[in-house]
PDB file of N, CA and C in Angstrom:
ATOM      1  N   MET A   1     151.031  62.895  49.706  1.00  0.00           N
ATOM      2  CA  MET A   1     150.047  63.269  50.689  1.00  0.00           C
ATOM      3  C   MET A   1     148.727  63.641  50.017  1.00  0.00           C
ATOM      4  N   ARG A   2     148.730  64.551  49.063  1.00  0.00           N
ATOM      5  CA  ARG A   2     147.520  65.015  48.389  1.00  0.00           C
ATOM      6  C   ARG A   2     147.594  64.615  46.919  1.00  0.00           C
ATOM      7  N   THR A   3     146.473  64.115  46.404  1.00  0.00           N
ATOM      8  CA  THR A   3     146.419  63.798  44.975  1.00  0.00           C
ATOM      9  C   THR A   3     145.628  64.839  44.195  1.00  0.00           C
ATOM     10  N   HIS A   4     144.700  65.515  44.870  1.00  0.00           N
ATOM     11  CA  HIS A   4     143.840  66.505  44.229  1.00  0.00           C
ATOM     12  C   HIS A   4     143.547  67.624  45.222  1.00  0.00           C
ATOM     13  N   TYR A   5     143.145  68.763  44.677  1.00  0.00           N
ATOM     14  CA  TYR A   5     142.599  69.828  45.507  1.00  0.00           C
ATOM     15  C   TYR A   5     141.081  69.652  45.566  1.00  0.00           C
ATOM     16  N   CYS A   6     140.492  70.087  46.681  1.00  0.00           N
ATOM     17  CA  CYS A   6     139.053  69.891  46.905  1.00  0.00           C
ATOM     18  C   CYS A   6     138.193  70.450  45.779  1.00  0.00           C
ATOM     19  N   GLY A   7     138.467  71.652  45.355  1.00  0.00           N
ATOM     20  CA  GLY A   7     137.613  72.331  44.388  1.00  0.00           C
ATOM     21  C   GLY A   7     137.781  71.893  42.952  1.00  0.00           C
ATOM     22  N   GLU A   8     138.748  71.015  42.666  1.00  0.00           N
ATOM     23  CA  GLU A   8     138.963  70.614  41.280  1.00  0.00           C
ATOM     24  C   GLU A   8     138.268  69.304  40.906  1.00  0.00           C
ATOM     25  N   LEU A   9     137.665  68.623  41.867  1.00  0.00           N
ATOM     26  CA  LEU A   9     137.006  67.345  41.578  1.00  0.00           C
ATOM     27  C   LEU A   9     135.671  67.561  40.877  1.00  0.00           C
ATOM     28  N   ARG A  10     135.381  66.696  39.918  1.00  0.00           N
ATOM     29  CA  ARG A  10     134.150  66.789  39.126  1.00  0.00           C
ATOM     30  C   ARG A  10     133.576  65.392  38.906  1.00  0.00           C
ATOM     31  N   ALA A  11     132.451  65.328  38.227  1.00  0.00           N
ATOM     32  CA  ALA A  11     131.793  64.045  37.925  1.00  0.00           C
ATOM     33  C   ALA A  11     132.703  63.129  37.119  1.00  0.00           C
ATOM     34  N   SER A  12     133.606  63.690  36.355  1.00  0.00           N
ATOM     35  CA  SER A  12     134.537  62.866  35.574  1.00  0.00           C
ATOM     36  C   SER A  12     135.515  62.097  36.462  1.00  0.00           C
ATOM     37  N   ASP A  13     135.585  62.451  37.754  1.00  0.00           N
ATOM     38  CA  ASP A  13     136.467  61.764  38.703  1.00  0.00           C
ATOM     39  C   ASP A  13     135.780  60.638  39.466  1.00  0.00           C
ATOM     40  N   ILE A  14     134.500  60.402  39.203  1.00  0.00           N
ATOM     41  CA  ILE A  14     133.760  59.364  39.928  1.00  0.00           C
ATOM     42  C   ILE A  14     134.481  58.022  39.788  1.00  0.00           C
ATOM     43  N   GLY A  15     134.636  57.352  40.931  1.00  0.00           N
ATOM     44  CA  GLY A  15     135.307  56.053  40.973  1.00  0.00           C
ATOM     45  C   GLY A  15     136.773  56.142  41.357  1.00  0.00           C
ATOM     46  N   LYS A  16     137.354  57.326  41.291  1.00  0.00           N
ATOM     47  CA  LYS A  16     138.762  57.486  41.643  1.00  0.00           C
ATOM     48  C   LYS A  16     138.943  57.517  43.153  1.00  0.00           C
ATOM     49  N   THR A  17     140.073  56.988  43.601  1.00  0.00           N
ATOM     50  CA  THR A  17     140.486  57.138  44.992  1.00  0.00           C
ATOM     51  C   THR A  17     141.347  58.389  45.071  1.00  0.00           C
ATOM     52  N   VAL A  18     141.017  59.274  46.003  1.00  0.00           N
ATOM     53  CA  VAL A  18     141.717  60.548  46.127  1.00  0.00           C
ATOM     54  C   VAL A  18     142.208  60.760  47.557  1.00  0.00           C
ATOM     55  N   ASN A  19     143.269  61.522  47.680  1.00  0.00           N
ATOM     56  CA  ASN A  19     143.769  61.987  48.972  1.00  0.00           C
ATOM     57  C   ASN A  19     143.632  63.494  48.986  1.00  0.00           C
ATOM     58  N   LEU A  20     142.896  64.002  49.962  1.00  0.00           N
ATOM     59  CA  LEU A  20     142.643  65.434  50.077  1.00  0.00           C
ATOM     60  C   LEU A  20     143.155  65.945  51.411  1.00  0.00           C
ATOM     61  N   CYS A  21     143.611  67.176  51.436  1.00  0.00           N
ATOM     62  CA  CYS A  21     143.997  67.843  52.673  1.00  0.00           C
ATOM     63  C   CYS A  21     143.271  69.173  52.718  1.00  0.00           C
ATOM     64  N   GLY A  22     142.813  69.540  53.901  1.00  0.00           N
ATOM     65  CA  GLY A  22     142.132  70.816  54.013  1.00  0.00           C
ATOM     66  C   GLY A  22     141.595  71.046  55.408  1.00  0.00           C
ATOM     67  N   TRP A  23     140.798  72.087  55.511  1.00  0.00           N
ATOM     68  CA  TRP A  23     140.183  72.476  56.770  1.00  0.00           C
ATOM     69  C   TRP A  23     138.736  72.003  56.803  1.00  0.00           C
ATOM     70  N   VAL A  24     138.291  71.569  57.964  1.00  0.00           N
ATOM     71  CA  VAL A  24     136.879  71.239  58.149  1.00  0.00           C
ATOM     72  C   VAL A  24     136.124  72.555  58.229  1.00  0.00           C
ATOM     73  N   ASP A  25     135.311  72.818  57.229  1.00  0.00           N
ATOM     74  CA  ASP A  25     134.526  74.051  57.206  1.00  0.00           C
ATOM     75  C   ASP A  25     133.268  73.883  58.046  1.00  0.00           C
ATOM     76  N   ARG A  26     132.657  72.713  57.907  1.00  0.00           N
ATOM     77  CA  ARG A  26     131.420  72.415  58.639  1.00  0.00           C
ATOM     78  C   ARG A  26     131.270  70.912  58.769  1.00  0.00           C
ATOM     79  N   ARG A  27     130.703  70.452  59.875  1.00  0.00           N
ATOM     80  CA  ARG A  27     130.424  69.034  60.100  1.00  0.00           C
ATOM     81  C   ARG A  27     128.961  68.906  60.511  1.00  0.00           C
ATOM     82  N   ARG A  28     128.249  67.987  59.835  1.00  0.00           N
ATOM     83  CA  ARG A  28     126.829  67.782  60.131  1.00  0.00           C
ATOM     84  C   ARG A  28     126.568  66.300  60.347  1.00  0.00           C
ATOM     85  N   ASP A  29     125.777  65.981  61.348  1.00  0.00           N
ATOM     86  CA  ASP A  29     125.395  64.596  61.621  1.00  0.00           C
ATOM     87  C   ASP A  29     123.917  64.453  61.284  1.00  0.00           C
ATOM     88  N   HIS A  30     123.619  63.668  60.246  1.00  0.00           N
ATOM     89  CA  HIS A  30     122.237  63.466  59.804  1.00  0.00           C
ATOM     90  C   HIS A  30     121.846  62.019  60.069  1.00  0.00           C
ATOM     91  N   GLY A  31     121.364  61.771  61.262  1.00  0.00           N
ATOM     92  CA  GLY A  31     120.878  60.436  61.592  1.00  0.00           C
ATOM     93  C   GLY A  31     121.946  59.358  61.519  1.00  0.00           C
ATOM     94  N   GLY A  32     123.148  59.687  61.974  1.00  0.00           N
ATOM     95  CA  GLY A  32     124.214  58.692  61.991  1.00  0.00           C
ATOM     96  C   GLY A  32     125.176  58.793  60.826  1.00  0.00           C
ATOM     97  N   VAL A  33     124.806  59.443  59.748  1.00  0.00           N
ATOM     98  CA  VAL A  33     125.721  59.672  58.634  1.00  0.00           C
ATOM     99  C   VAL A  33     126.311  61.068  58.828  1.00  0.00           C
ATOM    100  N   ILE A  34     127.645  61.160  58.782  1.00  0.00           N
ATOM    101  CA  ILE A  34     128.311  62.437  59.019  1.00  0.00           C
ATOM    102  C   ILE A  34     128.755  63.038  57.695  1.00  0.00           C
ATOM    103  N   PHE A  35     128.424  64.314  57.513  1.00  0.00           N
ATOM    104  CA  PHE A  35     128.818  65.067  56.325  1.00  0.00           C
ATOM    105  C   PHE A  35     129.817  66.134  56.750  1.00  0.00           C
ATOM    106  N   ILE A  36     130.898  66.239  56.008  1.00  0.00           N
ATOM    107  CA  ILE A  36     131.942  67.215  56.290  1.00  0.00           C
ATOM    108  C   ILE A  36     132.149  68.061  55.041  1.00  0.00           C
ATOM    109  N   ASP A  37     132.089  69.368  55.195  1.00  0.00           N
ATOM    110  CA  ASP A  37     132.472  70.269  54.107  1.00  0.00           C
ATOM    111  C   ASP A  37     133.955  70.531  54.297  1.00  0.00           C
ATOM    112  N   LEU A  38     134.767  70.001  53.375  1.00  0.00           N
ATOM    113  CA  LEU A  38     136.213  70.152  53.444  1.00  0.00           C
ATOM    114  C   LEU A  38     136.643  71.216  52.453  1.00  0.00           C
ATOM    115  N   ARG A  39     137.451  72.191  52.905  1.00  0.00           N
ATOM    116  CA  ARG A  39     137.857  73.279  52.021  1.00  0.00           C
ATOM    117  C   ARG A  39     139.379  73.398  51.969  1.00  0.00           C
ATOM    118  N   ASP A  40     139.836  73.856  50.839  1.00  0.00           N
ATOM    119  CA  ASP A  40     141.225  74.251  50.666  1.00  0.00           C
ATOM    120  C   ASP A  40     141.231  75.488  49.782  1.00  0.00           C
ATOM    121  N   ARG A  41     142.388  75.863  49.273  1.00  0.00           N
ATOM    122  CA  ARG A  41     142.482  77.113  48.506  1.00  0.00           C
ATOM    123  C   ARG A  41     141.691  77.091  47.207  1.00  0.00           C
ATOM    124  N   SER A  42     141.306  75.891  46.739  1.00  0.00           N
ATOM    125  CA  SER A  42     140.614  75.787  45.451  1.00  0.00           C
ATOM    126  C   SER A  42     139.096  75.716  45.571  1.00  0.00           C
ATOM    127  N   GLY A  43     138.588  75.443  46.767  1.00  0.00           N
ATOM    128  CA  GLY A  43     137.143  75.319  46.925  1.00  0.00           C
ATOM    129  C   GLY A  43     136.765  74.329  48.013  1.00  0.00           C
ATOM    130  N   THR A  44     135.537  73.853  47.930  1.00  0.00           N
ATOM    131  CA  THR A  44     134.971  72.977  48.956  1.00  0.00           C
ATOM    132  C   THR A  44     134.398  71.724  48.308  1.00  0.00           C
ATOM    133  N   VAL A  45     134.491  70.604  49.033  1.00  0.00           N
ATOM    134  CA  VAL A  45     133.889  69.359  48.588  1.00  0.00           C
ATOM    135  C   VAL A  45     133.227  68.697  49.792  1.00  0.00           C
ATOM    136  N   GLN A  46     132.151  67.968  49.540  1.00  0.00           N
ATOM    137  CA  GLN A  46     131.454  67.267  50.607  1.00  0.00           C
ATOM    138  C   GLN A  46     132.064  65.891  50.806  1.00  0.00           C
ATOM    139  N   VAL A  47     132.364  65.571  52.071  1.00  0.00           N
ATOM    140  CA  VAL A  47     132.898  64.268  52.448  1.00  0.00           C
ATOM    141  C   VAL A  47     131.842  63.572  53.294  1.00  0.00           C
ATOM    142  N   VAL A  48     131.680  62.258  53.085  1.00  0.00           N
ATOM    143  CA  VAL A  48     130.668  61.479  53.798  1.00  0.00           C
ATOM    144  C   VAL A  48     131.349  60.359  54.569  1.00  0.00           C
ATOM    145  N   SER A  49     130.913  60.193  55.816  1.00  0.00           N
ATOM    146  CA  SER A  49     131.348  59.050  56.609  1.00  0.00           C
ATOM    147  C   SER A  49     130.095  58.351  57.131  1.00  0.00           C
ATOM    148  N   ASP A  50     129.936  57.118  56.722  1.00  0.00           N
ATOM    149  CA  ASP A  50     128.741  56.323  57.008  1.00  0.00           C
ATOM    150  C   ASP A  50     129.177  55.080  57.789  1.00  0.00           C
ATOM    151  N   PRO A  51     128.582  54.812  58.952  1.00  0.00           N
ATOM    152  CA  PRO A  51     129.028  53.662  59.740  1.00  0.00           C
ATOM    153  C   PRO A  51     128.858  52.326  59.016  1.00  0.00           C
ATOM    154  N   GLN A  52     127.952  52.256  58.048  1.00  0.00           N
ATOM    155  CA  GLN A  52     127.760  51.025  57.285  1.00  0.00           C
ATOM    156  C   GLN A  52     128.752  50.907  56.130  1.00  0.00           C
ATOM    157  N   ARG A  53     128.905  51.990  55.383  1.00  0.00           N
ATOM    158  CA  ARG A  53     129.728  51.946  54.169  1.00  0.00           C
ATOM    159  C   ARG A  53     131.213  52.237  54.427  1.00  0.00           C
ATOM    160  N   THR A  54     131.486  53.129  55.389  1.00  0.00           N
ATOM    161  CA  THR A  54     132.878  53.503  55.685  1.00  0.00           C
ATOM    162  C   THR A  54     133.134  53.463  57.198  1.00  0.00           C
ATOM    163  N   PRO A  55     133.031  52.280  57.806  1.00  0.00           N
ATOM    164  CA  PRO A  55     133.155  52.195  59.267  1.00  0.00           C
ATOM    165  C   PRO A  55     134.526  52.603  59.805  1.00  0.00           C
ATOM    166  N   ASP A  56     135.585  52.439  59.019  1.00  0.00           N
ATOM    167  CA  ASP A  56     136.924  52.776  59.510  1.00  0.00           C
ATOM    168  C   ASP A  56     137.102  54.273  59.761  1.00  0.00           C
ATOM    169  N   SER A  57     136.381  55.110  59.043  1.00  0.00           N
ATOM    170  CA  SER A  57     136.535  56.557  59.209  1.00  0.00           C
ATOM    171  C   SER A  57     135.497  57.154  60.147  1.00  0.00           C
ATOM    172  N   TYR A  58     134.477  56.404  60.486  1.00  0.00           N
ATOM    173  CA  TYR A  58     133.330  56.977  61.189  1.00  0.00           C
ATOM    174  C   TYR A  58     133.683  57.513  62.581  1.00  0.00           C
ATOM    175  N   GLN A  59     134.423  56.746  63.369  1.00  0.00           N
ATOM    176  CA  GLN A  59     134.753  57.206  64.724  1.00  0.00           C
ATOM    177  C   GLN A  59     135.582  58.481  64.692  1.00  0.00           C
ATOM    178  N   LYS A  60     136.498  58.580  63.744  1.00  0.00           N
ATOM    179  CA  LYS A  60     137.320  59.784  63.629  1.00  0.00           C
ATOM    180  C   LYS A  60     136.456  60.959  63.168  1.00  0.00           C
ATOM    181  N   ALA A  61     135.516  60.710  62.258  1.00  0.00           N
ATOM    182  CA  ALA A  61     134.643  61.783  61.763  1.00  0.00           C
ATOM    183  C   ALA A  61     133.801  62.375  62.891  1.00  0.00           C
ATOM    184  N   GLU A  62     133.428  61.556  63.854  1.00  0.00           N
ATOM    185  CA  GLU A  62     132.635  62.046  64.989  1.00  0.00           C
ATOM    186  C   GLU A  62     133.396  63.067  65.821  1.00  0.00           C
ATOM    187  N   THR A  63     134.717  63.009  65.810  1.00  0.00           N
ATOM    188  CA  THR A  63     135.523  63.901  66.652  1.00  0.00           C
ATOM    189  C   THR A  63     135.887  65.214  65.965  1.00  0.00           C
ATOM    190  N   LEU A  64     135.632  65.332  64.669  1.00  0.00           N
ATOM    191  CA  LEU A  64     136.051  66.521  63.927  1.00  0.00           C
ATOM    192  C   LEU A  64     135.236  67.751  64.313  1.00  0.00           C
ATOM    193  N   ARG A  65     135.914  68.884  64.306  1.00  0.00           N
ATOM    194  CA  ARG A  65     135.280  70.178  64.585  1.00  0.00           C
ATOM    195  C   ARG A  65     135.748  71.184  63.547  1.00  0.00           C
ATOM    196  N   SER A  66     135.062  72.304  63.475  1.00  0.00           N
ATOM    197  CA  SER A  66     135.421  73.357  62.525  1.00  0.00           C
ATOM    198  C   SER A  66     136.881  73.762  62.691  1.00  0.00           C
ATOM    199  N   GLU A  67     137.529  73.952  61.556  1.00  0.00           N
ATOM    200  CA  GLU A  67     138.907  74.413  61.436  1.00  0.00           C
ATOM    201  C   GLU A  67     139.958  73.352  61.747  1.00  0.00           C
ATOM    202  N   TYR A  68     139.559  72.107  62.048  1.00  0.00           N
ATOM    203  CA  TYR A  68     140.555  71.040  62.128  1.00  0.00           C
ATOM    204  C   TYR A  68     141.190  70.899  60.751  1.00  0.00           C
ATOM    205  N   VAL A  69     142.467  70.599  60.716  1.00  0.00           N
ATOM    206  CA  VAL A  69     143.162  70.334  59.462  1.00  0.00           C
ATOM    207  C   VAL A  69     143.269  68.815  59.340  1.00  0.00           C
ATOM    208  N   VAL A  70     142.777  68.277  58.220  1.00  0.00           N
ATOM    209  CA  VAL A  70     142.705  66.823  58.070  1.00  0.00           C
ATOM    210  C   VAL A  70     143.209  66.373  56.701  1.00  0.00           C
ATOM    211  N   GLN A  71     143.579  65.098  56.662  1.00  0.00           N
ATOM    212  CA  GLN A  71     143.846  64.427  55.392  1.00  0.00           C
ATOM    213  C   GLN A  71     142.800  63.331  55.271  1.00  0.00           C
ATOM    214  N   ILE A  72     142.146  63.278  54.125  1.00  0.00           N
ATOM    215  CA  ILE A  72     141.093  62.302  53.893  1.00  0.00           C
ATOM    216  C   ILE A  72     141.415  61.509  52.645  1.00  0.00           C
ATOM    217  N   CYS A  73     141.370  60.197  52.785  1.00  0.00           N
ATOM    218  CA  CYS A  73     141.497  59.300  51.637  1.00  0.00           C
ATOM    219  C   CYS A  73     140.106  58.722  51.401  1.00  0.00           C
ATOM    220  N   GLY A  74     139.627  58.811  50.176  1.00  0.00           N
ATOM    221  CA  GLY A  74     138.287  58.321  49.904  1.00  0.00           C
ATOM    222  C   GLY A  74     138.024  58.137  48.423  1.00  0.00           C
ATOM    223  N   ILE A  75     136.810  57.726  48.139  1.00  0.00           N
ATOM    224  CA  ILE A  75     136.398  57.423  46.770  1.00  0.00           C
ATOM    225  C   ILE A  75     135.386  58.467  46.318  1.00  0.00           C
ATOM    226  N   VAL A  76     135.628  59.037  45.149  1.00  0.00           N
ATOM    227  CA  VAL A  76     134.710  60.020  44.568  1.00  0.00           C
ATOM    228  C   VAL A  76     133.458  59.281  44.102  1.00  0.00           C
ATOM    229  N   SER A  77     132.300  59.764  44.560  1.00  0.00           N
ATOM    230  CA  SER A  77     131.020  59.116  44.245  1.00  0.00           C
ATOM    231  C   SER A  77     130.016  60.150  43.748  1.00  0.00           C
ATOM    232  N   GLN A  78     129.053  59.685  42.984  1.00  0.00           N
ATOM    233  CA  GLN A  78     127.952  60.534  42.510  1.00  0.00           C
ATOM    234  C   GLN A  78     127.033  60.834  43.684  1.00  0.00           C
ATOM    235  N   ARG A  79     126.654  62.086  43.837  1.00  0.00           N
ATOM    236  CA  ARG A  79     125.667  62.415  44.864  1.00  0.00           C
ATOM    237  C   ARG A  79     124.303  61.905  44.439  1.00  0.00           C
ATOM    238  N   PRO A  80     123.468  61.520  45.400  1.00  0.00           N
ATOM    239  CA  PRO A  80     122.087  61.161  45.046  1.00  0.00           C
ATOM    240  C   PRO A  80     121.383  62.387  44.455  1.00  0.00           C
ATOM    241  N   PRO A  81     120.402  62.166  43.556  1.00  0.00           N
ATOM    242  CA  PRO A  81     119.726  63.301  42.894  1.00  0.00           C
ATOM    243  C   PRO A  81     119.194  64.358  43.865  1.00  0.00           C
ATOM    244  N   GLU A  82     118.680  63.942  45.014  1.00  0.00           N
ATOM    245  CA  GLU A  82     118.119  64.899  45.965  1.00  0.00           C
ATOM    246  C   GLU A  82     119.208  65.707  46.695  1.00  0.00           C
ATOM    247  N   SER A  83     120.478  65.301  46.544  1.00  0.00           N
ATOM    248  CA  SER A  83     121.575  65.985  47.221  1.00  0.00           C
ATOM    249  C   SER A  83     122.429  66.836  46.293  1.00  0.00           C
ATOM    250  N   LEU A  84     122.081  66.870  45.006  1.00  0.00           N
ATOM    251  CA  LEU A  84     122.863  67.669  44.068  1.00  0.00           C
ATOM    252  C   LEU A  84     122.832  69.139  44.478  1.00  0.00           C
ATOM    253  N   ASN A  85     123.970  69.818  44.328  1.00  0.00           N
ATOM    254  CA  ASN A  85     124.057  71.224  44.718  1.00  0.00           C
ATOM    255  C   ASN A  85     124.647  72.035  43.564  1.00  0.00           C
ATOM    256  N   PRO A  86     123.795  72.605  42.718  1.00  0.00           N
ATOM    257  CA  PRO A  86     124.290  73.365  41.567  1.00  0.00           C
ATOM    258  C   PRO A  86     124.983  74.676  41.949  1.00  0.00           C
ATOM    259  N   LYS A  87     124.939  75.056  43.221  1.00  0.00           N
ATOM    260  CA  LYS A  87     125.547  76.317  43.654  1.00  0.00           C
ATOM    261  C   LYS A  87     127.073  76.218  43.800  1.00  0.00           C
ATOM    262  N   ILE A  88     127.612  74.996  43.843  1.00  0.00           N
ATOM    263  CA  ILE A  88     129.062  74.847  43.966  1.00  0.00           C
ATOM    264  C   ILE A  88     129.588  73.958  42.847  1.00  0.00           C
ATOM    265  N   ALA A  89     130.826  74.166  42.464  1.00  0.00           N
ATOM    266  CA  ALA A  89     131.429  73.439  41.343  1.00  0.00           C
ATOM    267  C   ALA A  89     131.515  71.937  41.589  1.00  0.00           C
ATOM    268  N   THR A  90     131.634  71.526  42.857  1.00  0.00           N
ATOM    269  CA  THR A  90     131.740  70.099  43.189  1.00  0.00           C
ATOM    270  C   THR A  90     130.387  69.507  43.594  1.00  0.00           C
ATOM    271  N   GLY A  91     129.305  70.201  43.259  1.00  0.00           N
ATOM    272  CA  GLY A  91     127.971  69.821  43.720  1.00  0.00           C
ATOM    273  C   GLY A  91     127.394  68.535  43.165  1.00  0.00           C
ATOM    274  N   GLU A  92     128.053  67.916  42.188  1.00  0.00           N
ATOM    275  CA  GLU A  92     127.574  66.637  41.644  1.00  0.00           C
ATOM    276  C   GLU A  92     128.189  65.434  42.343  1.00  0.00           C
ATOM    277  N   ILE A  93     129.247  65.669  43.122  1.00  0.00           N
ATOM    278  CA  ILE A  93     129.983  64.542  43.701  1.00  0.00           C
ATOM    279  C   ILE A  93     130.144  64.693  45.212  1.00  0.00           C
ATOM    280  N   GLU A  94     130.540  63.607  45.848  1.00  0.00           N
ATOM    281  CA  GLU A  94     130.917  63.596  47.251  1.00  0.00           C
ATOM    282  C   GLU A  94     131.998  62.538  47.422  1.00  0.00           C
ATOM    283  N   ILE A  95     132.746  62.637  48.493  1.00  0.00           N
ATOM    284  CA  ILE A  95     133.835  61.715  48.765  1.00  0.00           C
ATOM    285  C   ILE A  95     133.429  60.823  49.921  1.00  0.00           C
ATOM    286  N   TYR A  96     133.431  59.506  49.715  1.00  0.00           N
ATOM    287  CA  TYR A  96     133.206  58.574  50.813  1.00  0.00           C
ATOM    288  C   TYR A  96     134.546  58.314  51.476  1.00  0.00           C
ATOM    289  N   ALA A  97     134.700  58.781  52.725  1.00  0.00           N
ATOM    290  CA  ALA A  97     135.979  58.740  53.436  1.00  0.00           C
ATOM    291  C   ALA A  97     136.314  57.322  53.879  1.00  0.00           C
ATOM    292  N   GLU A  98     137.372  56.781  53.318  1.00  0.00           N
ATOM    293  CA  GLU A  98     137.887  55.479  53.760  1.00  0.00           C
ATOM    294  C   GLU A  98     138.732  55.652  55.021  1.00  0.00           C
ATOM    295  N   SER A  99     139.493  56.762  55.078  1.00  0.00           N
ATOM    296  CA  SER A  99     140.299  57.048  56.266  1.00  0.00           C
ATOM    297  C   SER A  99     140.373  58.553  56.470  1.00  0.00           C
ATOM    298  N   ILE A 100     140.505  58.933  57.736  1.00  0.00           N
ATOM    299  CA  ILE A 100     140.634  60.335  58.120  1.00  0.00           C
ATOM    300  C   ILE A 100     141.798  60.431  59.095  1.00  0.00           C
ATOM    301  N   GLU A 101     142.704  61.350  58.805  1.00  0.00           N
ATOM    302  CA  GLU A 101     143.815  61.615  59.716  1.00  0.00           C
ATOM    303  C   GLU A 101     143.756  63.083  60.117  1.00  0.00           C
ATOM    304  N   ILE A 102     143.772  63.331  61.412  1.00  0.00           N
ATOM    305  CA  ILE A 102     143.786  64.703  61.911  1.00  0.00           C
ATOM    306  C   ILE A 102     145.236  65.177  61.892  1.00  0.00           C
ATOM    307  N   LEU A 103     145.498  66.209  61.105  1.00  0.00           N
ATOM    308  CA  LEU A 103     146.838  66.771  61.020  1.00  0.00           C
ATOM    309  C   LEU A 103     147.050  67.844  62.081  1.00  0.00           C
ATOM    310  N   ASN A 104     145.975  68.560  62.410  1.00  0.00           N
ATOM    311  CA  ASN A 104     146.051  69.573  63.450  1.00  0.00           C
ATOM    312  C   ASN A 104     144.654  69.855  63.981  1.00  0.00           C
ATOM    313  N   GLY A 105     144.487  69.693  65.280  1.00  0.00           N
ATOM    314  CA  GLY A 105     143.221  70.011  65.917  1.00  0.00           C
ATOM    315  C   GLY A 105     143.199  71.477  66.316  1.00  0.00           C
ATOM    316  N   VAL A 106     142.107  71.890  66.893  1.00  0.00           N
ATOM    317  CA  VAL A 106     141.930  73.270  67.306  1.00  0.00           C
ATOM    318  C   VAL A 106     141.413  73.264  68.727  1.00  0.00           C
ATOM    319  N   GLY A 107     142.003  74.118  69.566  1.00  0.00           N
ATOM    320  CA  GLY A 107     141.470  74.300  70.911  1.00  0.00           C
ATOM    321  C   GLY A 107     140.233  75.164  70.830  1.00  0.00           C
ATOM    322  N   GLU A 108     139.910  75.810  71.913  1.00  0.00           N
ATOM    323  CA  GLU A 108     138.769  76.721  71.882  1.00  0.00           C
ATOM    324  C   GLU A 108     139.066  77.875  70.943  1.00  0.00           C
ATOM    325  N   ILE A 109     138.096  78.224  70.143  1.00  0.00           N
ATOM    326  CA  ILE A 109     138.241  79.362  69.246  1.00  0.00           C
ATOM    327  C   ILE A 109     137.653  80.578  69.952  1.00  0.00           C
ATOM    328  N   ALA A 110     138.501  81.537  70.206  1.00  0.00           N
ATOM    329  CA  ALA A 110     138.049  82.745  70.887  1.00  0.00           C
ATOM    330  C   ALA A 110     137.304  83.631  69.906  1.00  0.00           C
ATOM    331  N   ALA A 111     136.223  84.172  70.364  1.00  0.00           N
ATOM    332  CA  ALA A 111     135.470  85.112  69.535  1.00  0.00           C
ATOM    333  C   ALA A 111     136.134  86.480  69.651  1.00  0.00           C
ATOM    334  N   VAL A 112     136.367  87.084  68.530  1.00  0.00           N
ATOM    335  CA  VAL A 112     136.990  88.406  68.507  1.00  0.00           C
ATOM    336  C   VAL A 112     135.935  89.411  68.049  1.00  0.00           C
ATOM    337  N   PHE A 113     135.752  90.434  68.835  1.00  0.00           N
ATOM    338  CA  PHE A 113     134.777  91.463  68.502  1.00  0.00           C
ATOM    339  C   PHE A 113     135.514  92.781  68.306  1.00  0.00           C
ATOM    340  N   TRP A 114     135.214  93.433  67.231  1.00  0.00           N
ATOM    341  CA  TRP A 114     135.799  94.740  66.967  1.00  0.00           C
ATOM    342  C   TRP A 114     134.725  95.781  67.219  1.00  0.00           C
ATOM    343  N   PHE A 115     135.062  96.731  68.039  1.00  0.00           N
ATOM    344  CA  PHE A 115     134.125  97.799  68.341  1.00  0.00           C
ATOM    345  C   PHE A 115     134.598  99.056  67.649  1.00  0.00           C
ATOM    346  N   LEU A 116     133.725  99.624  66.883  1.00  0.00           N
ATOM    347  CA  LEU A 116     134.028 100.872  66.195  1.00  0.00           C
ATOM    348  C   LEU A 116     133.420 102.017  66.995  1.00  0.00           C
ATOM    349  N   PRO A 117     134.150 103.115  67.098  1.00  0.00           N
ATOM    350  CA  PRO A 117     133.585 104.244  67.841  1.00  0.00           C
ATOM    351  C   PRO A 117     132.345 104.769  67.121  1.00  0.00           C
ATOM    352  N   LEU A 118     131.363 105.125  67.889  1.00  0.00           N
ATOM    353  CA  LEU A 118     130.150 105.704  67.335  1.00  0.00           C
ATOM    354  C   LEU A 118     130.386 107.182  67.035  1.00  0.00           C
ATOM    355  N   LYS A 119     129.779 107.632  65.972  1.00  0.00           N
ATOM    356  CA  LYS A 119     129.863 109.059  65.666  1.00  0.00           C
ATOM    357  C   LYS A 119     129.026 109.829  66.688  1.00  0.00           C
ATOM    358  N   ALA A 120     129.598 110.892  67.140  1.00  0.00           N
ATOM    359  CA  ALA A 120     128.863 111.728  68.077  1.00  0.00           C
ATOM    360  C   ALA A 120     127.786 112.491  67.299  1.00  0.00           C
ATOM    361  N   SER A 121     126.595 112.434  67.800  1.00  0.00           N
ATOM    362  CA  SER A 121     125.518 113.182  67.131  1.00  0.00           C
ATOM    363  C   SER A 121     125.392 114.552  67.776  1.00  0.00           C
ATOM    364  N   ARG A 122     125.191 115.553  66.972  1.00  0.00           N
ATOM    365  CA  ARG A 122     125.096 116.939  67.488  1.00  0.00           C
ATOM    366  C   ARG A 122     123.819 117.535  67.093  1.00  0.00           C
TER     367      ARG A 122
END
């Protein structure tokens, strides 16, 4: 099912086909190209679904929401220079998703608010 953990991929893995499992941390649509921040216990990696380059995964990527659990098969690629992110360990690479399988979706996420008692002022 999984060949690597999200946070362990590096530039030395460029060109490899990987299978990743994790939670969708964030999904962004930038002019038709979808970016997914996929996280697991080891860290986060950016996944890309492009209707031109990876059409088989694109329709599924459009349906993803935060906290969905997914399996992604894709190819480790070098990020373009303008997209490098030195703030994260996987910031030099991204995964072009060849296929996406939803392992578990999420219904509505209820917001939980904790109210702390206020100190009485005297």
